[in-house]
Amino acid sequence: MATTVKTKEVQLAVYMERLDNYIQSQTELNKTLTFGMQKISSDVEEIKHWRTKIYGAKAAFITAGILIVHTFAILGSLVAILLWMDN
């Protein structure tokens, strides 16, 4: 009977040690995953920031292009009117 109690105590001690190791490894894994998620989150925010800048530059180029085309259209019509008036 005494050996059965000692065997159960040893089994319990082994189980508790394994459980402690498991909990410790899971805690380290959670810390690693949390750090990775924070890094991904900051990377996504940086990408969104750059995307906003690129959209702004794209809008500026489109606006400048429309302004240039409009300017040429106005100047062309002005030259056409002046040439028509000279004839």
PDB file of N, CA and C in Angstrom:
ATOM      1  N   MET A   1       0.820  -1.190   0.000  1.00  0.00           N
ATOM      2  CA  MET A   1       0.000   0.000   0.000  1.00  0.00           C
ATOM      3  C   MET A   1       0.866   1.257   0.000  1.00  0.00           C
ATOM      4  N   ALA A   2       1.968   1.244   0.741  1.00  0.00           N
ATOM      5  CA  ALA A   2       2.853   2.408   0.814  1.00  0.00           C
ATOM      6  C   ALA A   2       3.506   2.673  -0.529  1.00  0.00           C
ATOM      7  N   THR A   3       3.822   1.595  -1.242  1.00  0.00           N
ATOM      8  CA  THR A   3       4.433   1.805  -2.568  1.00  0.00           C
ATOM      9  C   THR A   3       3.433   2.367  -3.558  1.00  0.00           C
ATOM     10  N   THR A   4       2.166   2.012  -3.406  1.00  0.00           N
ATOM     11  CA  THR A   4       1.137   2.550  -4.299  1.00  0.00           C
ATOM     12  C   THR A   4       0.962   4.042  -4.077  1.00  0.00           C
ATOM     13  N   VAL A   5       1.007   4.474  -2.818  1.00  0.00           N
ATOM     14  CA  VAL A   5       0.878   5.899  -2.502  1.00  0.00           C
ATOM     15  C   VAL A   5       2.085   6.642  -3.045  1.00  0.00           C
ATOM     16  N   LYS A   6       3.294   6.076  -2.858  1.00  0.00           N
ATOM     17  CA  LYS A   6       4.500   6.733  -3.366  1.00  0.00           C
ATOM     18  C   LYS A   6       4.474   6.786  -4.890  1.00  0.00           C
ATOM     19  N   THR A   7       3.996   5.735  -5.513  1.00  0.00           N
ATOM     20  CA  THR A   7       3.918   5.705  -6.975  1.00  0.00           C
ATOM     21  C   THR A   7       2.950   6.775  -7.461  1.00  0.00           C
ATOM     22  N   LYS A   8       1.824   6.901  -6.785  1.00  0.00           N
ATOM     23  CA  LYS A   8       0.842   7.921  -7.175  1.00  0.00           C
ATOM     24  C   LYS A   8       1.399   9.318  -6.935  1.00  0.00           C
ATOM     25  N   GLU A   9       2.159   9.500  -5.843  1.00  0.00           N
ATOM     26  CA  GLU A   9       2.770  10.801  -5.571  1.00  0.00           C
ATOM     27  C   GLU A   9       3.802  11.138  -6.640  1.00  0.00           C
ATOM     28  N   VAL A  10       4.577  10.131  -7.050  1.00  0.00           N
ATOM     29  CA  VAL A  10       5.571  10.352  -8.104  1.00  0.00           C
ATOM     30  C   VAL A  10       4.858  10.679  -9.419  1.00  0.00           C
ATOM     31  N   GLN A  11       3.805   9.949  -9.723  1.00  0.00           N
ATOM     32  CA  GLN A  11       3.046  10.217 -10.942  1.00  0.00           C
ATOM     33  C   GLN A  11       2.433  11.617 -10.906  1.00  0.00           C
ATOM     34  N   LEU A  12       1.921  11.985  -9.738  1.00  0.00           N
ATOM     35  CA  LEU A  12       1.346  13.319  -9.587  1.00  0.00           C
ATOM     36  C   LEU A  12       2.420  14.387  -9.752  1.00  0.00           C
ATOM     37  N   ALA A  13       3.604  14.151  -9.168  1.00  0.00           N
ATOM     38  CA  ALA A  13       4.699  15.108  -9.290  1.00  0.00           C
ATOM     39  C   ALA A  13       5.144  15.239 -10.749  1.00  0.00           C
ATOM     40  N   VAL A  14       5.239  14.126 -11.445  1.00  0.00           N
ATOM     41  CA  VAL A  14       5.618  14.160 -12.859  1.00  0.00           C
ATOM     42  C   VAL A  14       4.555  14.904 -13.658  1.00  0.00           C
ATOM     43  N   TYR A  15       3.290  14.615 -13.375  1.00  0.00           N
ATOM     44  CA  TYR A  15       2.195  15.292 -14.067  1.00  0.00           C
ATOM     45  C   TYR A  15       2.236  16.795 -13.815  1.00  0.00           C
ATOM     46  N   MET A  16       2.452  17.199 -12.565  1.00  0.00           N
ATOM     47  CA  MET A  16       2.497  18.622 -12.218  1.00  0.00           C
ATOM     48  C   MET A  16       3.668  19.308 -12.912  1.00  0.00           C
ATOM     49  N   GLU A  17       4.809  18.628 -12.989  1.00  0.00           N
ATOM     50  CA  GLU A  17       5.971  19.216 -13.653  1.00  0.00           C
ATOM     51  C   GLU A  17       5.702  19.378 -15.151  1.00  0.00           C
ATOM     52  N   ARG A  18       5.101  18.365 -15.748  1.00  0.00           N
ATOM     53  CA  ARG A  18       4.752  18.466 -17.168  1.00  0.00           C
ATOM     54  C   ARG A  18       3.741  19.589 -17.410  1.00  0.00           C
ATOM     55  N   LEU A  19       2.781  19.693 -16.493  1.00  0.00           N
ATOM     56  CA  LEU A  19       1.787  20.754 -16.610  1.00  0.00           C
ATOM     57  C   LEU A  19       2.438  22.129 -16.493  1.00  0.00           C
ATOM     58  N   ASP A  20       3.370  22.278 -15.549  1.00  0.00           N
ATOM     59  CA  ASP A  20       4.097  23.545 -15.407  1.00  0.00           C
ATOM     60  C   ASP A  20       4.888  23.871 -16.674  1.00  0.00           C
ATOM     61  N   ASN A  21       5.555  22.857 -17.235  1.00  0.00           N
ATOM     62  CA  ASN A  21       6.307  23.081 -18.480  1.00  0.00           C
ATOM     63  C   ASN A  21       5.371  23.472 -19.622  1.00  0.00           C
ATOM     64  N   TYR A  22       4.223  22.828 -19.685  1.00  0.00           N
ATOM     65  CA  TYR A  22       3.242  23.156 -20.728  1.00  0.00           C
ATOM     66  C   TYR A  22       2.747  24.589 -20.574  1.00  0.00           C
ATOM     67  N   ILE A  23       2.408  24.964 -19.360  1.00  0.00           N
ATOM     68  CA  ILE A  23       1.919  26.328 -19.105  1.00  0.00           C
ATOM     69  C   ILE A  23       2.994  27.345 -19.451  1.00  0.00           C
ATOM     70  N   GLN A  24       4.228  27.050 -19.085  1.00  0.00           N
ATOM     71  CA  GLN A  24       5.332  27.969 -19.384  1.00  0.00           C
ATOM     72  C   GLN A  24       5.539  28.101 -20.896  1.00  0.00           C
ATOM     73  N   SER A  25       5.496  26.990 -21.608  1.00  0.00           N
ATOM     74  CA  SER A  25       5.688  27.058 -23.060  1.00  0.00           C
ATOM     75  C   SER A  25       4.524  27.790 -23.736  1.00  0.00           C
ATOM     76  N   GLN A  26       3.312  27.589 -23.231  1.00  0.00           N
ATOM     77  CA  GLN A  26       2.163  28.298 -23.795  1.00  0.00           C
ATOM     78  C   GLN A  26       2.249  29.797 -23.520  1.00  0.00           C
ATOM     79  N   THR A  27       2.744  30.162 -22.341  1.00  0.00           N
ATOM     80  CA  THR A  27       2.916  31.573 -22.015  1.00  0.00           C
ATOM     81  C   THR A  27       3.938  32.215 -22.947  1.00  0.00           C
ATOM     82  N   GLU A  28       5.041  31.531 -23.197  1.00  0.00           N
ATOM     83  CA  GLU A  28       6.052  32.056 -24.118  1.00  0.00           C
ATOM     84  C   GLU A  28       5.495  32.149 -25.540  1.00  0.00           C
ATOM     85  N   LEU A  29       4.727  31.159 -25.938  1.00  0.00           N
ATOM     86  CA  LEU A  29       4.107  31.186 -27.261  1.00  0.00           C
ATOM     87  C   LEU A  29       3.141  32.360 -27.381  1.00  0.00           C
ATOM     88  N   ASN A  30       2.348  32.590 -26.341  1.00  0.00           N
ATOM     89  CA  ASN A  30       1.410  33.720 -26.355  1.00  0.00           C
ATOM     90  C   ASN A  30       2.149  35.050 -26.461  1.00  0.00           C
ATOM     91  N   LYS A  31       3.260  35.187 -25.748  1.00  0.00           N
ATOM     92  CA  LYS A  31       4.051  36.420 -25.829  1.00  0.00           C
ATOM     93  C   LYS A  31       4.597  36.603 -27.239  1.00  0.00           C
ATOM     94  N   THR A  32       5.095  35.523 -27.831  1.00  0.00           N
ATOM     95  CA  THR A  32       5.634  35.597 -29.189  1.00  0.00           C
ATOM     96  C   THR A  32       4.543  35.965 -30.185  1.00  0.00           C
ATOM     97  N   LEU A  33       3.381  35.333 -30.060  1.00  0.00           N
ATOM     98  CA  LEU A  33       2.271  35.639 -30.967  1.00  0.00           C
ATOM     99  C   LEU A  33       1.785  37.072 -30.791  1.00  0.00           C
ATOM    100  N   THR A  34       1.729  37.537 -29.558  1.00  0.00           N
ATOM    101  CA  THR A  34       1.298  38.913 -29.299  1.00  0.00           C
ATOM    102  C   THR A  34       2.263  39.898 -29.929  1.00  0.00           C
ATOM    103  N   PHE A  35       3.555  39.656 -29.769  1.00  0.00           N
ATOM    104  CA  PHE A  35       4.558  40.530 -30.364  1.00  0.00           C
ATOM    105  C   PHE A  35       4.424  40.526 -31.884  1.00  0.00           C
ATOM    106  N   GLY A  36       4.238  39.342 -32.457  1.00  0.00           N
ATOM    107  CA  GLY A  36       4.068  39.248 -33.910  1.00  0.00           C
ATOM    108  C   GLY A  36       2.839  39.998 -34.394  1.00  0.00           C
ATOM    109  N   MET A  37       1.739  39.875 -33.672  1.00  0.00           N
ATOM    110  CA  MET A  37       0.510  40.572 -34.063  1.00  0.00           C
ATOM    111  C   MET A  37       0.680  42.087 -33.956  1.00  0.00           C
ATOM    112  N   GLN A  38       1.379  42.554 -32.919  1.00  0.00           N
ATOM    113  CA  GLN A  38       1.624  43.988 -32.788  1.00  0.00           C
ATOM    114  C   GLN A  38       2.481  44.494 -33.940  1.00  0.00           C
ATOM    115  N   LYS A  39       3.478  43.716 -34.337  1.00  0.00           N
ATOM    116  CA  LYS A  39       4.344  44.103 -35.451  1.00  0.00           C
ATOM    117  C   LYS A  39       3.540  44.148 -36.745  1.00  0.00           C
ATOM    118  N   ILE A  40       2.701  43.158 -36.963  1.00  0.00           N
ATOM    119  CA  ILE A  40       1.862  43.134 -38.164  1.00  0.00           C
ATOM    120  C   ILE A  40       0.910  44.327 -38.162  1.00  0.00           C
ATOM    121  N   SER A  41       0.357  44.635 -37.002  1.00  0.00           N
ATOM    122  CA  SER A  41      -0.562  45.768 -36.901  1.00  0.00           C
ATOM    123  C   SER A  41       0.143  47.077 -37.253  1.00  0.00           C
ATOM    124  N   SER A  42       1.360  47.270 -36.740  1.00  0.00           N
ATOM    125  CA  SER A  42       2.088  48.499 -37.056  1.00  0.00           C
ATOM    126  C   SER A  42       2.481  48.533 -38.527  1.00  0.00           C
ATOM    127  N   ASP A  43       2.811  47.374 -39.111  1.00  0.00           N
ATOM    128  CA  ASP A  43       3.145  47.321 -40.541  1.00  0.00           C
ATOM    129  C   ASP A  43       1.928  47.666 -41.393  1.00  0.00           C
ATOM    130  N   VAL A  44       0.768  47.173 -41.007  1.00  0.00           N
ATOM    131  CA  VAL A  44      -0.465  47.470 -41.752  1.00  0.00           C
ATOM    132  C   VAL A  44      -0.783  48.957 -41.676  1.00  0.00           C
ATOM    133  N   GLU A  45      -0.597  49.543 -40.515  1.00  0.00           N
ATOM    134  CA  GLU A  45      -0.860  50.982 -40.377  1.00  0.00           C
ATOM    135  C   GLU A  45       0.109  51.794 -41.235  1.00  0.00           C
ATOM    136  N   GLU A  46       1.365  51.364 -41.294  1.00  0.00           N
ATOM    137  CA  GLU A  46       2.343  52.059 -42.127  1.00  0.00           C
ATOM    138  C   GLU A  46       1.973  51.938 -43.604  1.00  0.00           C
ATOM    139  N   ILE A  47       1.518  50.760 -44.018  1.00  0.00           N
ATOM    140  CA  ILE A  47       1.092  50.564 -45.408  1.00  0.00           C
ATOM    141  C   ILE A  47      -0.111  51.459 -45.722  1.00  0.00           C
ATOM    142  N   LYS A  48      -1.061  51.551 -44.791  1.00  0.00           N
ATOM    143  CA  LYS A  48      -2.219  52.417 -45.006  1.00  0.00           C
ATOM    144  C   LYS A  48      -1.790  53.873 -45.146  1.00  0.00           C
ATOM    145  N   HIS A  49      -0.800  54.276 -44.339  1.00  0.00           N
ATOM    146  CA  HIS A  49      -0.289  55.645 -44.407  1.00  0.00           C
ATOM    147  C   HIS A  49       0.317  55.913 -45.783  1.00  0.00           C
ATOM    148  N   TRP A  50       1.141  54.992 -46.271  1.00  0.00           N
ATOM    149  CA  TRP A  50       1.759  55.164 -47.590  1.00  0.00           C
ATOM    150  C   TRP A  50       0.712  55.123 -48.698  1.00  0.00           C
ATOM    151  N   ARG A  51      -0.298  54.274 -48.549  1.00  0.00           N
ATOM    152  CA  ARG A  51      -1.355  54.199 -49.548  1.00  0.00           C
ATOM    153  C   ARG A  51      -2.086  55.537 -49.640  1.00  0.00           C
ATOM    154  N   THR A  52      -2.327  56.164 -48.497  1.00  0.00           N
ATOM    155  CA  THR A  52      -2.980  57.469 -48.485  1.00  0.00           C
ATOM    156  C   THR A  52      -2.128  58.501 -49.210  1.00  0.00           C
ATOM    157  N   LYS A  53      -0.816  58.460 -48.968  1.00  0.00           N
ATOM    158  CA  LYS A  53       0.086  59.393 -49.659  1.00  0.00           C
ATOM    159  C   LYS A  53       0.059  59.158 -51.167  1.00  0.00           C
ATOM    160  N   ILE A  54       0.064  57.899 -51.575  1.00  0.00           N
ATOM    161  CA  ILE A  54       0.059  57.580 -53.005  1.00  0.00           C
ATOM    162  C   ILE A  54      -1.255  58.028 -53.639  1.00  0.00           C
ATOM    163  N   TYR A  55      -2.371  57.805 -52.951  1.00  0.00           N
ATOM    164  CA  TYR A  55      -3.654  58.268 -53.488  1.00  0.00           C
ATOM    165  C   TYR A  55      -3.670  59.783 -53.616  1.00  0.00           C
ATOM    166  N   GLY A  56      -3.075  60.484 -52.653  1.00  0.00           N
ATOM    167  CA  GLY A  56      -2.998  61.943 -52.728  1.00  0.00           C
ATOM    168  C   GLY A  56      -2.164  62.397 -53.909  1.00  0.00           C
ATOM    169  N   ALA A  57      -1.017  61.746 -54.135  1.00  0.00           N
ATOM    170  CA  ALA A  57      -0.164  62.096 -55.270  1.00  0.00           C
ATOM    171  C   ALA A  57      -0.880  61.797 -56.585  1.00  0.00           C
ATOM    172  N   LYS A  58      -1.583  60.674 -56.637  1.00  0.00           N
ATOM    173  CA  LYS A  58      -2.323  60.304 -57.841  1.00  0.00           C
ATOM    174  C   LYS A  58      -3.396  61.353 -58.138  1.00  0.00           C
ATOM    175  N   ALA A  59      -4.102  61.786 -57.118  1.00  0.00           N
ATOM    176  CA  ALA A  59      -5.134  62.810 -57.306  1.00  0.00           C
ATOM    177  C   ALA A  59      -4.512  64.126 -57.764  1.00  0.00           C
ATOM    178  N   ALA A  60      -3.339  64.460 -57.218  1.00  0.00           N
ATOM    179  CA  ALA A  60      -2.665  65.694 -57.618  1.00  0.00           C
ATOM    180  C   ALA A  60      -2.239  65.626 -59.083  1.00  0.00           C
ATOM    181  N   PHE A  61      -1.705  64.481 -59.518  1.00  0.00           N
ATOM    182  CA  PHE A  61      -1.303  64.339 -60.919  1.00  0.00           C
ATOM    183  C   PHE A  61      -2.507  64.392 -61.852  1.00  0.00           C
ATOM    184  N   ILE A  62      -3.594  63.773 -61.461  1.00  0.00           N
ATOM    185  CA  ILE A  62      -4.806  63.811 -62.294  1.00  0.00           C
ATOM    186  C   ILE A  62      -5.333  65.236 -62.387  1.00  0.00           C
ATOM    187  N   THR A  63      -5.347  65.938 -61.265  1.00  0.00           N
ATOM    188  CA  THR A  63      -5.811  67.328 -61.257  1.00  0.00           C
ATOM    189  C   THR A  63      -4.914  68.202 -62.128  1.00  0.00           C
ATOM    190  N   ALA A  64      -3.595  68.015 -62.006  1.00  0.00           N
ATOM    191  CA  ALA A  64      -2.666  68.798 -62.834  1.00  0.00           C
ATOM    192  C   ALA A  64      -2.867  68.468 -64.312  1.00  0.00           C
ATOM    193  N   GLY A  65      -3.077  67.203 -64.635  1.00  0.00           N
ATOM    194  CA  GLY A  65      -3.311  66.818 -66.029  1.00  0.00           C
ATOM    195  C   GLY A  65      -4.568  67.445 -66.592  1.00  0.00           C
ATOM    196  N   ILE A  66      -5.632  67.420 -65.813  1.00  0.00           N
ATOM    197  CA  ILE A  66      -6.889  68.037 -66.258  1.00  0.00           C
ATOM    198  C   ILE A  66      -6.699  69.539 -66.440  1.00  0.00           C
ATOM    199  N   LEU A  67      -5.967  70.163 -65.534  1.00  0.00           N
ATOM    200  CA  LEU A  67      -5.715  71.604 -65.640  1.00  0.00           C
ATOM    201  C   LEU A  67      -4.919  71.926 -66.898  1.00  0.00           C
ATOM    202  N   ILE A  68      -3.911  71.103 -67.203  1.00  0.00           N
ATOM    203  CA  ILE A  68      -3.100  71.340 -68.407  1.00  0.00           C
ATOM    204  C   ILE A  68      -3.949  71.162 -69.667  1.00  0.00           C
ATOM    205  N   VAL A  69      -4.743  70.103 -69.720  1.00  0.00           N
ATOM    206  CA  VAL A  69      -5.613  69.881 -70.883  1.00  0.00           C
ATOM    207  C   VAL A  69      -6.607  71.022 -71.027  1.00  0.00           C
ATOM    208  N   HIS A  70      -7.164  71.462 -69.918  1.00  0.00           N
ATOM    209  CA  HIS A  70      -8.116  72.572 -69.948  1.00  0.00           C
ATOM    210  C   HIS A  70      -7.440  73.847 -70.441  1.00  0.00           C
ATOM    211  N   THR A  71      -6.216  74.084 -69.963  1.00  0.00           N
ATOM    212  CA  THR A  71      -5.479  75.277 -70.384  1.00  0.00           C
ATOM    213  C   THR A  71      -5.227  75.250 -71.885  1.00  0.00           C
ATOM    214  N   PHE A  72      -4.789  74.096 -72.407  1.00  0.00           N
ATOM    215  CA  PHE A  72      -4.567  73.993 -73.849  1.00  0.00           C
ATOM    216  C   PHE A  72      -5.871  74.173 -74.631  1.00  0.00           C
ATOM    217  N   ALA A  73      -6.963  73.663 -74.112  1.00  0.00           N
ATOM    218  CA  ALA A  73      -8.248  73.818 -74.797  1.00  0.00           C
ATOM    219  C   ALA A  73      -8.664  75.281 -74.840  1.00  0.00           C
ATOM    220  N   ILE A  74      -8.495  75.980 -73.744  1.00  0.00           N
ATOM    221  CA  ILE A  74      -8.861  77.404 -73.697  1.00  0.00           C
ATOM    222  C   ILE A  74      -7.957  78.215 -74.614  1.00  0.00           C
ATOM    223  N   LEU A  75      -6.637  77.968 -74.536  1.00  0.00           N
ATOM    224  CA  LEU A  75      -5.710  78.710 -75.394  1.00  0.00           C
ATOM    225  C   LEU A  75      -5.943  78.385 -76.870  1.00  0.00           C
ATOM    226  N   GLY A  76      -6.227  77.105 -77.155  1.00  0.00           N
ATOM    227  CA  GLY A  76      -6.514  76.731 -78.544  1.00  0.00           C
ATOM    228  C   GLY A  76      -7.761  77.413 -79.068  1.00  0.00           C
ATOM    229  N   SER A  77      -8.800  77.473 -78.246  1.00  0.00           N
ATOM    230  CA  SER A  77     -10.025  78.153 -78.687  1.00  0.00           C
ATOM    231  C   SER A  77      -9.799  79.649 -78.829  1.00  0.00           C
ATOM    232  N   LEU A  78      -8.961  80.228 -77.963  1.00  0.00           N
ATOM    233  CA  LEU A  78      -8.652  81.654 -78.066  1.00  0.00           C
ATOM    234  C   LEU A  78      -7.893  81.938 -79.357  1.00  0.00           C
ATOM    235  N   VAL A  79      -6.905  81.098 -79.679  1.00  0.00           N
ATOM    236  CA  VAL A  79      -6.154  81.268 -80.926  1.00  0.00           C
ATOM    237  C   VAL A  79      -7.082  81.075 -82.117  1.00  0.00           C
ATOM    238  N   ALA A  80      -7.974  80.112 -82.059  1.00  0.00           N
ATOM    239  CA  ALA A  80      -8.915  79.873 -83.157  1.00  0.00           C
ATOM    240  C   ALA A  80      -9.834  81.069 -83.360  1.00  0.00           C
ATOM    241  N   ILE A  81     -10.305  81.645 -82.281  1.00  0.00           N
ATOM    242  CA  ILE A  81     -11.177  82.823 -82.385  1.00  0.00           C
ATOM    243  C   ILE A  81     -10.412  83.996 -82.977  1.00  0.00           C
ATOM    244  N   LEU A  82      -9.146  84.191 -82.532  1.00  0.00           N
ATOM    245  CA  LEU A  82      -8.347  85.296 -83.069  1.00  0.00           C
ATOM    246  C   LEU A  82      -8.045  85.105 -84.554  1.00  0.00           C
ATOM    247  N   LEU A  83      -7.737  83.871 -84.950  1.00  0.00           N
ATOM    248  CA  LEU A  83      -7.493  83.614 -86.369  1.00  0.00           C
ATOM    249  C   LEU A  83      -8.774  83.782 -87.202  1.00  0.00           C
ATOM    250  N   TRP A  84      -9.886  83.396 -86.659  1.00  0.00           N
ATOM    251  CA  TRP A  84     -11.159  83.538 -87.353  1.00  0.00           C
ATOM    252  C   TRP A  84     -11.532  85.008 -87.509  1.00  0.00           C
ATOM    253  N   MET A  85     -11.207  85.804 -86.452  1.00  0.00           N
ATOM    254  CA  MET A  85     -11.518  87.240 -86.510  1.00  0.00           C
ATOM    255  C   MET A  85     -10.629  87.961 -87.513  1.00  0.00           C
ATOM    256  N   ASP A  86      -9.393  87.485 -87.703  1.00  0.00           N
ATOM    257  CA  ASP A  86      -8.486  88.131 -88.668  1.00  0.00           C
ATOM    258  C   ASP A  86      -8.931  87.884 -90.093  1.00  0.00           C
ATOM    259  N   ASN A  87      -9.596  86.800 -90.368  1.00  0.00           N
ATOM    260  CA  ASN A  87     -10.034  86.507 -91.737  1.00  0.00           C
ATOM    261  C   ASN A  87     -11.243  87.286 -92.038  1.00  0.00           C
TER     262      ASN A  87
END
